[in-house]
Amino acid sequence: MNSYFGGKVWIKPLIVTDQPATRADVQARLKFPNGELAVLGDGKTAIHHLSYVELKEAMPRGNHYHKLRHEYFYLISGDAEMVFEDIATKEQSGTLLRPGDLVYIKPEIAHVFVPRQEGHAIEYAAEIFDAADVYRYPLQKPDPKAEV
């Protein structure tokens, strides 16, 4: 698992297994001959918002932050750069997401997806969707020495 801004953002590739009853981590990608089942809930956090996100190559998604919302993103397919900025400190970081990555973002972390190819993702949160809690915040790519 990669962590940023003291744990305000984390990204972990979900484990791939065919053993649902014996895995230590509830969140996992279960691979079976008849297809994959990704378990995204942690068994503790209620989900009050769930949405599907279509990612189109080179078309940024996001460029905002929330004051209340704790968001999760699960990348189903495609590759995408994700850029983050802690709005309090202006510290910025970025990384490349691959299918199977689960991202967690705490409030007041600006974020944007920049897909490298078409793909699909799921977004979910414990909080209900509230348009008044979406604050536009255009991001640029981080310093070239960053992890993107």
N, C-alpha and C. Protein backbone atom coordinates (compact mmCIF):
# COMPACT_ATOMS: atom_id res chain seq x y z
N MET A 1 0.85 -1.17 0.00
CA MET A 1 0.00 0.00 0.00
C MET A 1 0.89 1.23 0.00
N ASN A 2 0.54 2.21 -0.84
CA ASN A 2 1.21 3.50 -0.85
C ASN A 2 0.36 4.50 -0.09
N SER A 3 1.01 5.35 0.70
CA SER A 3 0.31 6.34 1.50
C SER A 3 0.90 7.72 1.21
N TYR A 4 0.05 8.74 1.22
CA TYR A 4 0.47 10.10 0.93
C TYR A 4 -0.10 11.03 2.00
N PHE A 5 0.59 12.16 2.23
CA PHE A 5 0.12 13.21 3.14
C PHE A 5 -0.23 12.64 4.52
N GLY A 6 0.64 11.81 5.04
CA GLY A 6 0.43 11.27 6.38
C GLY A 6 -0.80 10.39 6.50
N GLY A 7 -1.16 9.68 5.41
CA GLY A 7 -2.30 8.76 5.44
C GLY A 7 -3.61 9.38 4.99
N LYS A 8 -3.60 10.66 4.56
CA LYS A 8 -4.83 11.28 4.07
C LYS A 8 -5.28 10.68 2.74
N VAL A 9 -4.33 10.08 2.03
CA VAL A 9 -4.61 9.36 0.79
C VAL A 9 -3.85 8.05 0.87
N TRP A 10 -4.50 6.97 0.48
CA TRP A 10 -3.77 5.71 0.32
C TRP A 10 -4.27 4.97 -0.91
N ILE A 11 -3.38 4.19 -1.47
CA ILE A 11 -3.70 3.39 -2.65
C ILE A 11 -3.16 2.00 -2.40
N LYS A 12 -4.03 1.02 -2.61
CA LYS A 12 -3.55 -0.35 -2.46
C LYS A 12 -4.11 -1.19 -3.61
N PRO A 13 -3.25 -2.00 -4.21
CA PRO A 13 -3.75 -2.97 -5.17
C PRO A 13 -4.47 -4.07 -4.38
N LEU A 14 -5.69 -4.38 -4.75
CA LEU A 14 -6.40 -5.44 -4.03
C LEU A 14 -5.75 -6.79 -4.34
N ILE A 15 -5.67 -7.62 -3.32
CA ILE A 15 -5.09 -8.95 -3.52
C ILE A 15 -5.97 -9.75 -4.48
N VAL A 16 -5.36 -10.62 -5.25
CA VAL A 16 -6.08 -11.50 -6.17
C VAL A 16 -6.05 -12.89 -5.57
N THR A 17 -7.22 -13.50 -5.41
CA THR A 17 -7.29 -14.81 -4.77
C THR A 17 -8.48 -15.59 -5.31
N ASP A 18 -8.45 -16.88 -5.08
CA ASP A 18 -9.62 -17.71 -5.36
C ASP A 18 -10.12 -18.32 -4.04
N GLN A 19 -9.64 -17.78 -2.91
CA GLN A 19 -9.97 -18.31 -1.59
C GLN A 19 -10.72 -17.26 -0.77
N PRO A 20 -12.00 -17.04 -1.01
CA PRO A 20 -12.71 -15.99 -0.28
C PRO A 20 -12.82 -16.24 1.21
N ALA A 21 -12.85 -17.47 1.65
CA ALA A 21 -13.07 -17.75 3.08
C ALA A 21 -11.79 -17.65 3.90
N THR A 22 -10.63 -17.66 3.27
CA THR A 22 -9.39 -17.72 4.03
C THR A 22 -8.57 -16.44 3.96
N ARG A 23 -9.03 -15.43 3.28
CA ARG A 23 -8.22 -14.23 3.13
C ARG A 23 -8.30 -13.36 4.39
N ALA A 24 -7.19 -12.74 4.73
CA ALA A 24 -7.15 -11.87 5.90
C ALA A 24 -7.81 -10.52 5.61
N ASP A 25 -7.63 -10.01 4.39
CA ASP A 25 -8.18 -8.71 4.02
C ASP A 25 -9.53 -8.92 3.34
N VAL A 26 -10.58 -8.30 3.86
CA VAL A 26 -11.92 -8.44 3.29
C VAL A 26 -11.95 -7.93 1.86
N GLN A 27 -11.31 -6.78 1.60
CA GLN A 27 -11.29 -6.21 0.26
C GLN A 27 -10.31 -7.01 -0.60
N ALA A 28 -10.83 -7.57 -1.70
CA ALA A 28 -10.00 -8.43 -2.53
C ALA A 28 -10.64 -8.62 -3.90
N ARG A 29 -9.84 -9.10 -4.84
CA ARG A 29 -10.32 -9.49 -6.17
C ARG A 29 -10.39 -11.01 -6.19
N LEU A 30 -11.60 -11.54 -6.24
CA LEU A 30 -11.79 -12.98 -6.26
C LEU A 30 -11.86 -13.43 -7.71
N LYS A 31 -10.90 -14.23 -8.12
CA LYS A 31 -10.82 -14.71 -9.51
C LYS A 31 -11.33 -16.14 -9.57
N PHE A 32 -12.35 -16.35 -10.38
CA PHE A 32 -12.93 -17.67 -10.58
C PHE A 32 -13.03 -17.94 -12.08
N PRO A 33 -13.18 -19.20 -12.49
CA PRO A 33 -13.30 -19.51 -13.92
C PRO A 33 -14.47 -18.76 -14.59
N ASN A 34 -15.51 -18.46 -13.84
CA ASN A 34 -16.67 -17.78 -14.44
C ASN A 34 -16.58 -16.26 -14.32
N GLY A 35 -15.44 -15.71 -13.84
CA GLY A 35 -15.25 -14.27 -13.80
C GLY A 35 -14.75 -13.76 -12.46
N GLU A 36 -14.48 -12.48 -12.42
CA GLU A 36 -13.93 -11.83 -11.24
C GLU A 36 -15.03 -11.15 -10.43
N LEU A 37 -14.86 -11.18 -9.11
CA LEU A 37 -15.73 -10.47 -8.19
C LEU A 37 -14.82 -9.63 -7.30
N ALA A 38 -14.97 -8.32 -7.37
CA ALA A 38 -14.16 -7.42 -6.53
C ALA A 38 -14.98 -7.03 -5.32
N VAL A 39 -14.47 -7.35 -4.13
CA VAL A 39 -15.12 -6.98 -2.88
C VAL A 39 -14.51 -5.65 -2.44
N LEU A 40 -15.31 -4.58 -2.49
CA LEU A 40 -14.80 -3.24 -2.23
C LEU A 40 -15.08 -2.76 -0.82
N GLY A 41 -16.17 -3.19 -0.22
CA GLY A 41 -16.49 -2.78 1.14
C GLY A 41 -15.55 -3.44 2.13
N ASP A 42 -15.30 -2.74 3.23
CA ASP A 42 -14.40 -3.29 4.25
C ASP A 42 -15.14 -4.01 5.37
N GLY A 43 -16.47 -4.06 5.27
CA GLY A 43 -17.27 -4.72 6.30
C GLY A 43 -17.55 -3.84 7.51
N LYS A 44 -17.02 -2.61 7.50
CA LYS A 44 -17.20 -1.69 8.63
C LYS A 44 -17.86 -0.39 8.20
N THR A 45 -17.46 0.12 7.04
CA THR A 45 -17.92 1.43 6.57
C THR A 45 -19.20 1.29 5.76
N ALA A 46 -20.24 1.99 6.19
CA ALA A 46 -21.49 2.01 5.41
C ALA A 46 -21.26 2.80 4.13
N ILE A 47 -21.91 2.39 3.06
CA ILE A 47 -21.79 3.08 1.77
C ILE A 47 -23.13 3.74 1.46
N HIS A 48 -23.10 5.09 1.39
CA HIS A 48 -24.32 5.85 1.10
C HIS A 48 -24.28 6.51 -0.27
N HIS A 49 -23.16 6.38 -0.96
CA HIS A 49 -23.04 6.89 -2.33
C HIS A 49 -22.24 5.89 -3.13
N LEU A 50 -22.75 5.56 -4.31
CA LEU A 50 -22.08 4.63 -5.22
C LEU A 50 -22.30 5.12 -6.63
N SER A 51 -21.22 5.22 -7.42
CA SER A 51 -21.38 5.65 -8.80
C SER A 51 -20.36 4.96 -9.70
N TYR A 52 -20.72 4.87 -10.95
CA TYR A 52 -19.86 4.35 -12.01
C TYR A 52 -19.19 5.54 -12.68
N VAL A 53 -17.90 5.42 -13.00
CA VAL A 53 -17.16 6.50 -13.63
C VAL A 53 -16.57 5.99 -14.94
N GLU A 54 -16.93 6.62 -16.04
CA GLU A 54 -16.33 6.31 -17.34
C GLU A 54 -15.10 7.20 -17.50
N LEU A 55 -13.99 6.59 -17.87
CA LEU A 55 -12.74 7.32 -18.07
C LEU A 55 -12.41 7.33 -19.56
N LYS A 56 -12.23 8.52 -20.12
CA LYS A 56 -11.87 8.66 -21.53
C LYS A 56 -10.44 9.19 -21.61
N GLU A 57 -9.67 8.62 -22.52
CA GLU A 57 -8.26 8.96 -22.65
C GLU A 57 -8.04 10.47 -22.70
N ALA A 58 -7.11 10.94 -21.85
CA ALA A 58 -6.68 12.34 -21.79
C ALA A 58 -7.77 13.32 -21.39
N MET A 59 -8.89 12.83 -20.87
CA MET A 59 -9.99 13.70 -20.43
C MET A 59 -10.04 13.68 -18.90
N PRO A 60 -9.49 14.71 -18.23
CA PRO A 60 -9.43 14.72 -16.77
C PRO A 60 -10.81 14.61 -16.12
N ARG A 61 -10.85 13.91 -15.01
CA ARG A 61 -12.06 13.79 -14.17
C ARG A 61 -11.68 14.22 -12.76
N GLY A 62 -12.44 15.11 -12.20
CA GLY A 62 -12.18 15.56 -10.84
C GLY A 62 -11.88 17.04 -10.81
N ASN A 63 -10.63 17.38 -10.44
CA ASN A 63 -10.24 18.78 -10.25
C ASN A 63 -11.12 19.44 -9.20
N HIS A 64 -11.24 18.76 -8.06
CA HIS A 64 -12.03 19.29 -6.96
C HIS A 64 -11.58 18.65 -5.65
N TYR A 65 -12.16 19.13 -4.56
CA TYR A 65 -11.97 18.50 -3.26
C TYR A 65 -13.29 18.60 -2.51
N HIS A 66 -13.35 17.93 -1.39
CA HIS A 66 -14.54 17.95 -0.53
C HIS A 66 -14.11 18.35 0.88
N LYS A 67 -14.99 19.01 1.60
CA LYS A 67 -14.71 19.36 3.00
C LYS A 67 -15.21 18.29 3.96
N LEU A 68 -16.19 17.48 3.51
CA LEU A 68 -16.80 16.48 4.39
C LEU A 68 -16.61 15.05 3.92
N ARG A 69 -16.52 14.84 2.65
CA ARG A 69 -16.58 13.51 2.06
C ARG A 69 -15.26 12.75 2.10
N HIS A 70 -15.34 11.48 2.44
CA HIS A 70 -14.24 10.52 2.39
C HIS A 70 -14.53 9.62 1.18
N GLU A 71 -13.72 9.71 0.12
CA GLU A 71 -14.02 8.99 -1.12
C GLU A 71 -13.13 7.79 -1.33
N TYR A 72 -13.70 6.80 -1.99
CA TYR A 72 -12.97 5.63 -2.46
C TYR A 72 -13.16 5.55 -3.97
N PHE A 73 -12.11 5.16 -4.67
CA PHE A 73 -12.19 4.88 -6.10
C PHE A 73 -11.58 3.51 -6.34
N TYR A 74 -12.23 2.72 -7.16
CA TYR A 74 -11.69 1.42 -7.56
C TYR A 74 -11.57 1.43 -9.07
N LEU A 75 -10.35 1.25 -9.57
CA LEU A 75 -10.12 1.24 -11.02
C LEU A 75 -10.36 -0.17 -11.55
N ILE A 76 -11.39 -0.28 -12.39
CA ILE A 76 -11.75 -1.57 -12.98
C ILE A 76 -10.87 -1.87 -14.19
N SER A 77 -10.74 -0.87 -15.07
CA SER A 77 -9.95 -1.07 -16.29
C SER A 77 -9.33 0.24 -16.72
N GLY A 78 -8.27 0.14 -17.54
CA GLY A 78 -7.54 1.30 -18.01
C GLY A 78 -6.43 1.69 -17.04
N ASP A 79 -5.57 2.57 -17.48
CA ASP A 79 -4.53 3.15 -16.63
C ASP A 79 -4.84 4.63 -16.51
N ALA A 80 -4.60 5.20 -15.35
CA ALA A 80 -4.85 6.63 -15.15
C ALA A 80 -3.83 7.21 -14.20
N GLU A 81 -3.35 8.39 -14.53
CA GLU A 81 -2.55 9.14 -13.57
C GLU A 81 -3.53 9.77 -12.60
N MET A 82 -3.15 9.83 -11.34
CA MET A 82 -3.97 10.51 -10.36
C MET A 82 -3.07 11.50 -9.65
N VAL A 83 -3.53 12.74 -9.59
CA VAL A 83 -2.77 13.82 -8.96
C VAL A 83 -3.56 14.28 -7.74
N PHE A 84 -2.85 14.52 -6.65
CA PHE A 84 -3.44 14.95 -5.38
C PHE A 84 -2.75 16.21 -4.89
N GLU A 85 -3.49 17.04 -4.15
CA GLU A 85 -2.88 18.16 -3.46
C GLU A 85 -3.59 18.37 -2.13
N ASP A 86 -2.80 18.46 -1.08
CA ASP A 86 -3.33 18.81 0.24
C ASP A 86 -3.57 20.31 0.20
N ILE A 87 -4.83 20.74 0.25
CA ILE A 87 -5.11 22.16 0.06
C ILE A 87 -4.59 23.02 1.20
N ALA A 88 -4.36 22.44 2.37
CA ALA A 88 -3.83 23.22 3.49
C ALA A 88 -2.35 23.51 3.34
N THR A 89 -1.58 22.51 2.89
CA THR A 89 -0.12 22.65 2.82
C THR A 89 0.38 22.94 1.41
N LYS A 90 -0.47 22.72 0.40
CA LYS A 90 -0.12 22.86 -1.03
C LYS A 90 0.85 21.78 -1.48
N GLU A 91 1.10 20.79 -0.62
CA GLU A 91 1.94 19.65 -1.02
C GLU A 91 1.19 18.87 -2.09
N GLN A 92 1.92 18.45 -3.12
CA GLN A 92 1.31 17.75 -4.24
C GLN A 92 2.04 16.45 -4.50
N SER A 93 1.29 15.45 -4.97
CA SER A 93 1.87 14.17 -5.33
C SER A 93 1.00 13.54 -6.41
N GLY A 94 1.53 12.52 -7.02
CA GLY A 94 0.77 11.82 -8.03
C GLY A 94 1.29 10.41 -8.20
N THR A 95 0.47 9.60 -8.85
CA THR A 95 0.84 8.21 -9.06
C THR A 95 0.08 7.66 -10.25
N LEU A 96 0.52 6.54 -10.75
CA LEU A 96 -0.17 5.85 -11.83
C LEU A 96 -1.04 4.76 -11.23
N LEU A 97 -2.31 4.76 -11.58
CA LEU A 97 -3.24 3.73 -11.13
C LEU A 97 -3.37 2.66 -12.20
N ARG A 98 -3.47 1.43 -11.74
CA ARG A 98 -3.66 0.28 -12.64
C ARG A 98 -4.94 -0.45 -12.21
N PRO A 99 -5.51 -1.24 -13.12
CA PRO A 99 -6.72 -1.99 -12.75
C PRO A 99 -6.50 -2.80 -11.47
N GLY A 100 -7.50 -2.74 -10.58
CA GLY A 100 -7.40 -3.44 -9.30
C GLY A 100 -6.95 -2.55 -8.16
N ASP A 101 -6.57 -1.29 -8.46
CA ASP A 101 -6.15 -0.37 -7.41
C ASP A 101 -7.37 0.25 -6.73
N LEU A 102 -7.31 0.31 -5.41
CA LEU A 102 -8.32 0.96 -4.59
C LEU A 102 -7.68 2.20 -3.97
N VAL A 103 -8.33 3.35 -4.16
CA VAL A 103 -7.81 4.64 -3.68
C VAL A 103 -8.75 5.17 -2.60
N TYR A 104 -8.19 5.69 -1.52
CA TYR A 104 -8.96 6.34 -0.46
C TYR A 104 -8.47 7.78 -0.34
N ILE A 105 -9.42 8.74 -0.29
CA ILE A 105 -9.08 10.16 -0.22
C ILE A 105 -9.89 10.82 0.90
N LYS A 106 -9.19 11.39 1.86
CA LYS A 106 -9.85 12.11 2.96
C LYS A 106 -10.27 13.51 2.48
N PRO A 107 -11.13 14.17 3.26
CA PRO A 107 -11.53 15.54 2.92
C PRO A 107 -10.32 16.48 2.82
N GLU A 108 -10.52 17.53 2.03
CA GLU A 108 -9.55 18.61 1.82
C GLU A 108 -8.28 18.16 1.10
N ILE A 109 -8.42 17.08 0.32
CA ILE A 109 -7.37 16.66 -0.59
C ILE A 109 -7.94 16.80 -2.01
N ALA A 110 -7.42 17.76 -2.77
CA ALA A 110 -7.86 17.94 -4.15
C ALA A 110 -7.35 16.76 -4.97
N HIS A 111 -8.12 16.36 -6.00
CA HIS A 111 -7.74 15.20 -6.78
C HIS A 111 -8.28 15.29 -8.21
N VAL A 112 -7.55 14.63 -9.11
CA VAL A 112 -7.97 14.55 -10.51
C VAL A 112 -7.42 13.24 -11.10
N PHE A 113 -8.26 12.56 -11.89
CA PHE A 113 -7.85 11.43 -12.71
C PHE A 113 -7.47 11.98 -14.09
N VAL A 114 -6.37 11.51 -14.65
CA VAL A 114 -6.04 11.81 -16.03
C VAL A 114 -5.82 10.47 -16.73
N PRO A 115 -6.87 9.93 -17.36
CA PRO A 115 -6.76 8.60 -17.97
C PRO A 115 -5.73 8.56 -19.10
N ARG A 116 -4.92 7.53 -19.12
CA ARG A 116 -3.97 7.30 -20.21
C ARG A 116 -4.64 6.50 -21.33
N GLN A 117 -5.74 5.86 -21.00
CA GLN A 117 -6.52 5.10 -21.97
C GLN A 117 -7.94 5.01 -21.42
N GLU A 118 -8.87 4.63 -22.25
CA GLU A 118 -10.24 4.50 -21.79
C GLU A 118 -10.31 3.44 -20.69
N GLY A 119 -11.22 3.67 -19.75
CA GLY A 119 -11.35 2.72 -18.66
C GLY A 119 -12.63 2.96 -17.88
N HIS A 120 -12.73 2.22 -16.78
CA HIS A 120 -13.93 2.26 -15.95
C HIS A 120 -13.52 2.21 -14.48
N ALA A 121 -14.30 2.91 -13.66
CA ALA A 121 -14.02 2.93 -12.22
C ALA A 121 -15.34 2.98 -11.46
N ILE A 122 -15.25 2.67 -10.19
CA ILE A 122 -16.36 2.80 -9.25
C ILE A 122 -15.92 3.82 -8.21
N GLU A 123 -16.84 4.70 -7.84
CA GLU A 123 -16.60 5.67 -6.77
C GLU A 123 -17.63 5.40 -5.68
N TYR A 124 -17.18 5.42 -4.43
CA TYR A 124 -18.16 5.26 -3.35
C TYR A 124 -17.71 6.03 -2.12
N ALA A 125 -18.69 6.29 -1.24
CA ALA A 125 -18.40 7.06 -0.03
C ALA A 125 -19.42 6.71 1.05
N ALA A 126 -19.03 6.91 2.28
CA ALA A 126 -19.94 6.72 3.40
C ALA A 126 -20.98 7.84 3.43
N GLU A 127 -20.58 9.03 2.99
CA GLU A 127 -21.48 10.17 3.00
C GLU A 127 -22.35 10.18 1.74
N ILE A 128 -23.56 10.73 1.85
CA ILE A 128 -24.40 10.88 0.67
C ILE A 128 -23.79 11.94 -0.23
N PHE A 129 -24.13 11.90 -1.53
CA PHE A 129 -23.63 12.91 -2.45
C PHE A 129 -24.27 14.25 -2.12
N ASP A 130 -23.45 15.30 -2.03
CA ASP A 130 -23.93 16.65 -1.76
C ASP A 130 -23.16 17.59 -2.68
N ALA A 131 -23.84 18.13 -3.69
CA ALA A 131 -23.20 19.03 -4.66
C ALA A 131 -22.57 20.25 -3.98
N ALA A 132 -23.11 20.66 -2.83
CA ALA A 132 -22.55 21.80 -2.11
C ALA A 132 -21.19 21.48 -1.49
N ASP A 133 -20.81 20.20 -1.45
CA ASP A 133 -19.52 19.77 -0.89
C ASP A 133 -18.50 19.46 -1.99
N VAL A 134 -18.72 19.98 -3.19
CA VAL A 134 -17.77 19.82 -4.30
C VAL A 134 -17.17 21.20 -4.56
N TYR A 135 -15.88 21.34 -4.29
CA TYR A 135 -15.18 22.61 -4.43
C TYR A 135 -14.18 22.49 -5.58
N ARG A 136 -14.41 23.23 -6.65
CA ARG A 136 -13.53 23.18 -7.82
C ARG A 136 -12.12 23.60 -7.42
N TYR A 137 -11.13 22.86 -7.95
CA TYR A 137 -9.74 23.12 -7.61
C TYR A 137 -8.87 22.53 -8.72
N PRO A 138 -8.62 23.30 -9.78
CA PRO A 138 -7.83 22.78 -10.91
C PRO A 138 -6.41 22.41 -10.49
N LEU A 139 -6.01 21.23 -10.86
CA LEU A 139 -4.68 20.72 -10.54
C LEU A 139 -3.83 20.60 -11.79
N GLN A 140 -2.56 20.79 -11.61
CA GLN A 140 -1.57 20.55 -12.66
C GLN A 140 -0.82 19.28 -12.28
N LYS A 141 -0.10 18.71 -13.25
CA LYS A 141 0.74 17.57 -12.91
C LYS A 141 1.78 18.02 -11.89
N PRO A 142 2.15 17.12 -10.98
CA PRO A 142 3.16 17.49 -9.97
C PRO A 142 4.54 17.62 -10.58
N ASP A 143 5.47 18.05 -9.76
CA ASP A 143 6.85 18.16 -10.13
C ASP A 143 7.32 16.89 -10.84
N PRO A 144 8.11 17.01 -11.92
CA PRO A 144 8.57 15.82 -12.67
C PRO A 144 9.31 14.80 -11.82
N LYS A 145 9.85 15.20 -10.68
CA LYS A 145 10.53 14.26 -9.79
C LYS A 145 9.55 13.43 -8.97
N ALA A 146 8.26 13.78 -9.04
CA ALA A 146 7.24 13.04 -8.27
C ALA A 146 7.03 11.67 -8.89
N GLU A 147 6.20 10.88 -8.24
CA GLU A 147 6.04 9.47 -8.55
C GLU A 147 5.21 9.15 -9.79
N VAL A 148 4.50 10.12 -10.37
CA VAL A 148 3.58 9.84 -11.48
C VAL A 148 4.22 9.03 -12.56
